């Protein structure tokens, strides 16, 4: 395996990796970035969500994860972000929104210039629910989520892997792989959209470590399935996020830009099973080596959403998530994150 800590010449790695990335997308049945597939006529109707926006950059697309509101989309654009990643909530839900409301969301996206780069469909969607009837409902709902994402012009839909508490990992891997292969991959191929799970450690998400990812990808070779890679969760598990990203660089379809701080004096008192010894931070205020991590993404020619997931209480006001406007401290956190990340990304430098 190449050493991610070794010096990399940017001009050479972009030139060399370009051919391999193009070949990878072709073998997966995906259109080349910035172009059309061999089976798509040049005169095809523009994809949803592409009309009225500036051309997409050919680099990681800096975004913020935020509940939907026109004010928050406008803030993202004003702060220099390329778009937003929107999680499902009581309003933003394909099973609740009317056609006119969806049209209005798309119009707001165009008016503000903030692309809806992807949507997040995590909670309440256990793809391997132990109850067969409930599992069937989840599968149908997630298909609607994939179709909703496509309608919004998004190219990715994030989720969790689900979980079967008490069951062996091998069984959970096989169950999840079977669901993805049989239920979701045909829809993703038809819509030209990717899906993947975030590696957030919780009982609703069993696939949170590299050893399990390996087994899933062996059973699901289709590249429409990948990772929504969040380095912050690996740091608090003492797993090297840079080496892990390098190893799985061809299966990273989306990324969360979030850092983690380890508070050494507390850890030395309570141990890893205690509490208060780590906390999530905005990029640049934790332990991640961001130049190395972003270099891995650039070398892999990752062009998906790279979304700041703001869970840093130092730059926030509690219980304001549902307000249409961000409080000023939270705005400051997003502004600082963008300022920090832009020094490593060629896009949106103005």
Protein backbone atom coordinates (compact mmCIF):
# COMPACT_ATOMS: atom_id res chain seq x y z
CA UNK A 1 0.00 0.00 0.00
CA UNK A 2 1.43 3.43 -0.84
CA UNK A 3 2.39 5.49 2.21
CA UNK A 4 -0.10 8.38 2.61
CA UNK A 5 2.54 10.27 4.56
CA UNK A 6 4.95 10.27 1.63
CA UNK A 7 5.47 13.43 -0.44
CA UNK A 8 3.02 13.60 -3.36
CA UNK A 9 3.55 15.80 -6.38
CA UNK A 10 0.13 17.33 -7.04
CA UNK A 11 0.58 17.70 -10.80
CA UNK A 12 1.68 14.09 -11.20
CA UNK A 13 -0.95 12.51 -9.00
CA UNK A 14 -3.79 14.38 -10.68
CA UNK A 15 -2.50 13.33 -14.11
CA UNK A 16 -1.81 9.70 -13.18
CA UNK A 17 -4.95 9.13 -11.13
CA UNK A 18 -7.19 10.69 -13.77
CA UNK A 19 -7.07 7.67 -16.05
CA UNK A 20 -7.66 5.19 -13.24
CA UNK A 21 -10.56 7.21 -11.83
CA UNK A 22 -12.17 7.43 -15.27
CA UNK A 23 -11.75 3.70 -15.76
CA UNK A 24 -13.25 3.05 -12.33
CA UNK A 25 -16.34 5.07 -13.10
CA UNK A 26 -16.76 3.37 -16.47
CA UNK A 27 -16.49 -0.11 -14.97
CA UNK A 28 -19.09 0.86 -12.37
CA UNK A 29 -21.51 1.99 -15.05
CA UNK A 30 -21.28 5.63 -13.99
CA UNK A 31 -20.88 8.54 -16.34
CA UNK A 32 -17.46 10.23 -16.31
CA UNK A 33 -17.37 13.38 -14.20
CA UNK A 34 -18.02 16.42 -16.34
CA UNK A 35 -19.32 14.36 -19.25
CA UNK A 36 -21.93 11.87 -20.34
CA UNK A 37 -21.81 8.10 -20.46
CA UNK A 38 -21.49 6.25 -23.73
CA UNK A 39 -25.14 5.29 -23.51
CA UNK A 40 -26.42 8.82 -22.87
CA UNK A 41 -27.09 11.04 -25.90
CA UNK A 42 -25.45 14.46 -25.85
CA UNK A 43 -28.82 16.11 -26.37
CA UNK A 44 -30.32 14.49 -23.25
CA UNK A 45 -32.42 16.67 -20.96
CA UNK A 46 -30.28 18.24 -18.20
CA UNK A 47 -30.35 16.32 -14.95
CA UNK A 48 -32.62 17.61 -12.18
CA UNK A 49 -30.99 20.27 -10.04
CA UNK A 50 -28.43 21.37 -12.65
CA UNK A 51 -30.26 24.25 -14.33
CA UNK A 52 -29.56 27.73 -12.95
CA UNK A 53 -26.31 26.91 -11.13
CA UNK A 54 -22.69 27.70 -11.83
CA UNK A 55 -20.77 24.74 -13.33
CA UNK A 56 -19.75 22.18 -10.76
CA UNK A 57 -16.15 22.17 -9.63
CA UNK A 58 -13.99 19.12 -10.27
CA UNK A 59 -12.90 18.88 -6.65
CA UNK A 60 -14.54 17.95 -3.33
CA UNK A 61 -17.66 20.09 -3.07
CA UNK A 62 -17.55 22.02 0.18
CA UNK A 63 -20.99 22.01 1.82
CA UNK A 64 -22.71 22.35 5.16
CA UNK A 65 -25.07 19.86 6.76
CA UNK A 66 -28.17 21.74 7.81
CA UNK A 67 -31.93 21.41 8.20
CA UNK A 68 -33.73 23.07 5.32
CA UNK A 69 -34.62 26.75 5.37
CA UNK A 70 -34.21 29.45 2.71
CA UNK A 71 -32.12 31.51 5.13
CA UNK A 72 -29.68 28.67 5.74
CA UNK A 73 -29.24 27.97 2.02
CA UNK A 74 -28.56 31.66 1.44
CA UNK A 75 -26.02 31.69 4.29
CA UNK A 76 -24.19 28.69 2.78
CA UNK A 77 -23.72 30.47 -0.55
CA UNK A 78 -22.77 33.79 1.08
CA UNK A 79 -20.12 32.00 3.12
CA UNK A 80 -18.56 30.43 0.04
CA UNK A 81 -19.93 26.91 0.32
CA UNK A 82 -20.92 25.15 -2.88
CA UNK A 83 -24.08 23.67 -1.46
CA UNK A 84 -25.87 21.94 1.39
CA UNK A 85 -26.56 18.45 2.67
CA UNK A 86 -30.04 18.22 4.17
CA UNK A 87 -31.20 15.58 6.68
CA UNK A 88 -34.76 14.34 6.83
CA UNK A 89 -36.89 15.98 9.51
CA UNK A 90 -40.54 16.72 10.28
CA UNK A 91 -40.79 19.00 7.21
CA UNK A 92 -38.10 17.80 4.80
CA UNK A 93 -39.52 14.34 4.11
CA UNK A 94 -40.56 12.74 0.80
CA UNK A 95 -43.59 11.19 2.51
CA UNK A 96 -44.87 14.57 3.72
CA UNK A 97 -43.89 17.16 1.12
CA UNK A 98 -46.31 18.03 -1.67
CA UNK A 99 -45.17 18.44 -5.25
CA UNK A 100 -45.53 22.20 -4.95
CA UNK A 101 -43.42 22.27 -1.80
CA UNK A 102 -40.68 20.23 -3.50
CA UNK A 103 -40.80 22.61 -6.46
CA UNK A 104 -40.42 25.54 -4.06
CA UNK A 105 -37.41 23.90 -2.37
CA UNK A 106 -35.76 23.45 -5.76
CA UNK A 107 -36.57 27.05 -6.70
CA UNK A 108 -35.02 28.28 -3.45
CA UNK A 109 -31.94 26.18 -4.14
CA UNK A 110 -31.57 27.82 -7.55
CA UNK A 111 -32.29 31.33 -6.25
CA UNK A 112 -29.72 31.08 -3.47
CA UNK A 113 -27.20 29.21 -5.64
CA UNK A 114 -26.84 26.47 -3.01
CA UNK A 115 -27.01 23.03 -4.60
CA UNK A 116 -28.64 20.26 -2.58
CA UNK A 117 -25.59 18.04 -2.92
CA UNK A 118 -27.07 15.11 -1.00
CA UNK A 119 -29.66 14.20 1.60
CA UNK A 120 -29.28 12.28 4.87
CA UNK A 121 -31.71 9.45 5.65
CA UNK A 122 -30.43 7.90 8.86
CA UNK A 123 -32.74 7.70 11.84
CA UNK A 124 -35.72 5.36 11.72
CA UNK A 125 -34.34 3.48 8.71
CA UNK A 126 -32.97 0.18 9.99
CA UNK A 127 -32.31 -1.69 6.73
CA UNK A 128 -31.87 -5.01 8.56
CA UNK A 129 -34.61 -4.58 11.15
CA UNK A 130 -35.27 -7.89 12.96
CA UNK A 131 -39.01 -7.62 12.25
CA UNK A 132 -39.61 -8.66 8.61
CA UNK A 133 -42.71 -6.46 8.26
CA UNK A 134 -40.90 -3.39 9.59
CA UNK A 135 -37.89 -4.16 7.41
CA UNK A 136 -40.09 -4.21 4.32
CA UNK A 137 -41.49 -0.78 5.23
CA UNK A 138 -37.96 0.57 5.65
CA UNK A 139 -36.89 -0.73 2.25
CA UNK A 140 -39.86 0.93 0.53
CA UNK A 141 -39.26 4.21 2.37
CA UNK A 142 -35.57 4.29 1.52
CA UNK A 143 -36.36 3.75 -2.15
CA UNK A 144 -38.60 6.80 -1.91
CA UNK A 145 -35.69 8.66 -0.33
CA UNK A 146 -33.43 7.71 -3.26
CA UNK A 147 -36.07 8.95 -5.70
CA UNK A 148 -36.50 12.15 -3.67
CA UNK A 149 -32.74 12.79 -3.73
CA UNK A 150 -32.68 12.30 -7.49
CA UNK A 151 -35.58 14.71 -7.97
CA UNK A 152 -33.65 17.35 -6.02
CA UNK A 153 -30.64 16.89 -8.28
CA UNK A 154 -28.57 15.13 -5.61
CA UNK A 155 -26.10 12.43 -6.58
CA UNK A 156 -25.87 10.74 -3.19
CA UNK A 157 -28.13 9.60 -0.37
CA UNK A 158 -26.60 8.98 3.05
CA UNK A 159 -27.86 6.49 5.59
CA UNK A 160 -26.83 4.09 8.38
CA UNK A 161 -26.18 0.39 7.85
CA UNK A 162 -28.79 -0.62 10.38
CA UNK A 163 -28.31 -3.23 13.05
CA UNK A 164 -29.50 -6.49 14.57
CA UNK A 165 -28.48 -6.20 18.23
CA UNK A 166 -27.15 -9.46 19.63
CA UNK A 167 -26.64 -11.08 16.24
CA UNK A 168 -23.16 -12.06 14.96
CA UNK A 169 -21.46 -9.55 12.71
CA UNK A 170 -21.24 -12.11 9.90
CA UNK A 171 -25.02 -12.43 9.78
CA UNK A 172 -25.51 -8.66 9.83
CA UNK A 173 -23.01 -8.23 6.99
CA UNK A 174 -24.80 -10.82 4.85
CA UNK A 175 -28.25 -9.40 5.62
CA UNK A 176 -27.19 -5.83 4.78
CA UNK A 177 -25.39 -6.88 1.60
CA UNK A 178 -28.44 -8.84 0.43
CA UNK A 179 -30.73 -5.85 1.00
CA UNK A 180 -28.41 -3.50 -0.86
CA UNK A 181 -27.90 -5.85 -3.80
CA UNK A 182 -31.55 -6.82 -4.19
CA UNK A 183 -33.47 -3.70 -3.17
CA UNK A 184 -31.27 -0.63 -3.62
CA UNK A 185 -28.63 -1.19 -6.29
CA UNK A 186 -31.19 -1.56 -9.13
CA UNK A 187 -32.76 1.77 -8.09
CA UNK A 188 -29.38 3.50 -7.77
CA UNK A 189 -28.35 2.27 -11.21
CA UNK A 190 -31.63 3.42 -12.75
CA UNK A 191 -31.36 6.88 -11.18
CA UNK A 192 -27.60 7.27 -11.50
CA UNK A 193 -27.25 7.97 -7.77
CA UNK A 194 -24.93 6.67 -5.08
CA UNK A 195 -25.73 5.62 -1.53
CA UNK A 196 -23.63 4.85 1.51
CA UNK A 197 -23.54 4.76 5.26
CA UNK A 198 -21.86 7.12 7.69
CA UNK A 199 -19.50 5.41 10.15
CA UNK A 200 -21.17 6.82 13.27
CA UNK A 201 -20.91 4.34 16.17
CA UNK A 202 -24.41 3.54 17.38
CA UNK A 203 -26.56 0.44 17.74
CA UNK A 204 -28.54 1.43 14.63
CA UNK A 205 -25.32 1.32 12.61
CA UNK A 206 -23.27 -1.86 12.98
CA UNK A 207 -20.80 -1.18 10.11
CA UNK A 208 -18.54 1.38 11.75
CA UNK A 209 -15.02 -0.12 11.49
CA UNK A 210 -12.79 -0.96 8.50
CA UNK A 211 -12.83 -4.73 9.05
CA UNK A 212 -16.61 -4.78 8.54
CA UNK A 213 -16.43 -2.45 5.52
CA UNK A 214 -14.10 -4.90 3.81
CA UNK A 215 -16.61 -7.73 4.18
CA UNK A 216 -19.53 -5.65 2.95
CA UNK A 217 -17.70 -4.45 -0.17
CA UNK A 218 -16.66 -8.01 -0.98
CA UNK A 219 -20.36 -8.90 -1.15
CA UNK A 220 -21.44 -5.63 -2.82
CA UNK A 221 -18.91 -4.85 -5.55
CA UNK A 222 -21.29 -2.36 -7.19
CA UNK A 223 -19.68 1.08 -6.87
CA UNK A 224 -23.04 2.79 -6.39
CA UNK A 225 -22.57 1.70 -2.76
CA UNK A 226 -19.82 3.41 -0.81
CA UNK A 227 -18.90 5.20 2.37
CA UNK A 228 -20.06 8.49 3.77
CA UNK A 229 -16.67 8.86 5.39
CA UNK A 230 -16.45 10.77 8.68
CA UNK A 231 -12.90 10.89 10.07
CA UNK A 232 -14.00 12.25 13.45
CA UNK A 233 -15.59 8.95 14.47
CA UNK A 234 -12.38 7.06 13.74
CA UNK A 235 -10.27 9.41 15.85
CA UNK A 236 -12.30 8.70 18.99
CA UNK A 237 -11.91 4.97 18.31
CA UNK A 238 -8.13 5.40 17.92
CA UNK A 239 -8.26 4.32 14.26
CA UNK A 240 -6.01 6.25 11.88
CA UNK A 241 -8.42 8.16 9.59
CA UNK A 242 -5.81 9.03 6.95
CA UNK A 243 -4.60 5.47 6.40
CA UNK A 244 -8.19 4.22 6.49
CA UNK A 245 -9.28 6.80 3.91
CA UNK A 246 -6.36 5.78 1.68
CA UNK A 247 -7.30 2.12 1.89
CA UNK A 248 -10.96 2.78 1.02
CA UNK A 249 -10.39 5.80 -1.24
CA UNK A 250 -12.18 4.17 -4.20
CA UNK A 251 -15.32 3.58 -2.13
CA UNK A 252 -15.67 7.04 -0.55
CA UNK A 253 -18.73 8.61 -2.18
CA UNK A 254 -19.35 11.39 0.35
CA UNK A 255 -17.51 12.91 3.27
CA UNK A 256 -18.17 14.69 6.54
CA UNK A 257 -15.74 17.44 7.47
CA UNK A 258 -15.60 17.16 11.24
CA UNK A 259 -12.74 16.96 13.73
CA UNK A 260 -12.32 15.38 17.17
CA UNK A 261 -10.44 16.65 20.20
CA UNK A 262 -9.07 14.23 22.79
CA UNK A 263 -8.88 15.87 26.22
CA UNK A 264 -5.84 14.15 27.69
CA UNK A 265 -6.16 15.21 31.34
CA UNK A 266 -9.74 13.89 31.47
CA UNK A 267 -8.85 10.66 29.65
CA UNK A 268 -6.07 9.94 32.14
CA UNK A 269 -8.63 10.13 34.95
CA UNK A 270 -11.69 8.32 33.52
CA UNK A 271 -10.25 6.00 30.84
CA UNK A 272 -11.79 5.20 27.47
CA UNK A 273 -14.98 3.84 29.05
CA UNK A 274 -15.56 7.08 30.91
CA UNK A 275 -17.10 10.25 29.55
CA UNK A 276 -16.01 13.78 28.75
CA UNK A 277 -12.58 12.82 27.37
CA UNK A 278 -13.38 13.60 23.72
CA UNK A 279 -15.58 16.05 21.84
CA UNK A 280 -16.36 16.88 18.23
CA UNK A 281 -14.82 20.05 16.81
CA UNK A 282 -15.03 22.08 13.62
CA UNK A 283 -12.25 21.30 11.11
CA UNK A 284 -8.84 22.45 12.25
CA UNK A 285 -9.60 22.50 15.97
CA UNK A 286 -9.05 18.82 16.68
CA UNK A 287 -6.46 16.14 15.96
CA UNK A 288 -6.99 15.29 12.27
CA UNK A 289 -4.12 15.95 9.88
CA UNK A 290 -6.24 17.81 7.32
CA UNK A 291 -3.54 18.33 4.64
CA UNK A 292 -2.89 14.57 4.53
CA UNK A 293 -6.59 13.66 4.65
CA UNK A 294 -7.62 16.05 1.88
CA UNK A 295 -4.63 14.97 -0.22
CA UNK A 296 -6.01 11.43 -0.15
CA UNK A 297 -9.37 12.72 -1.43
CA UNK A 298 -7.68 14.76 -4.15
CA UNK A 299 -5.46 11.90 -5.23
CA UNK A 300 -8.54 9.68 -5.51
CA UNK A 301 -10.20 12.46 -7.57
CA UNK A 302 -13.08 12.55 -5.13
CA UNK A 303 -15.65 15.06 -6.42
CA UNK A 304 -18.55 14.40 -4.08
CA UNK A 305 -19.96 16.42 -1.24
CA UNK A 306 -17.52 17.28 1.57
CA UNK A 307 -19.90 18.60 4.19
CA UNK A 308 -19.06 20.40 7.42
CA UNK A 309 -21.06 18.64 10.14
CA UNK A 310 -21.15 21.24 12.89
CA UNK A 311 -21.37 19.46 16.26
CA UNK A 312 -18.93 21.75 18.06
CA UNK A 313 -20.60 23.13 21.20
CA UNK A 314 -17.83 25.71 21.55
CA UNK A 315 -19.21 27.47 18.44
CA UNK A 316 -22.95 27.04 18.99
CA UNK A 317 -26.03 27.96 20.98
CA UNK A 318 -27.98 25.00 22.47
CA UNK A 319 -31.50 24.12 21.28
CA UNK A 320 -31.49 26.30 18.16
CA UNK A 321 -31.48 23.52 15.52
CA UNK A 322 -35.04 24.21 14.36
CA UNK A 323 -34.69 27.98 14.10
CA UNK A 324 -34.81 29.25 10.49
CA UNK A 325 -31.65 31.31 11.06
CA UNK A 326 -28.37 30.09 12.53
CA UNK A 327 -27.38 31.88 15.74
CA UNK A 328 -24.24 33.99 15.31
CA UNK A 329 -21.88 31.61 17.16
CA UNK A 330 -22.93 28.76 14.86
CA UNK A 331 -22.43 31.01 11.83
CA UNK A 332 -18.98 31.81 13.16
CA UNK A 333 -18.21 28.08 13.37
CA UNK A 334 -19.20 27.51 9.74
CA UNK A 335 -17.24 30.58 8.63
CA UNK A 336 -14.11 29.41 10.47
CA UNK A 337 -14.50 25.90 9.04
CA UNK A 338 -14.77 27.22 5.48
CA UNK A 339 -11.81 29.54 5.99
CA UNK A 340 -9.71 26.64 7.27
CA UNK A 341 -10.69 24.11 4.59
CA UNK A 342 -10.36 26.48 1.62
CA UNK A 343 -6.59 26.62 2.03
CA UNK A 344 -6.46 22.97 0.94
CA UNK A 345 -9.19 23.00 -1.73
CA UNK A 346 -8.83 24.65 -5.17
CA UNK A 347 -12.54 25.53 -5.39
CA UNK A 348 -14.30 28.71 -4.28
CA UNK A 349 -11.14 30.54 -3.29
CA UNK A 350 -12.63 34.02 -3.70
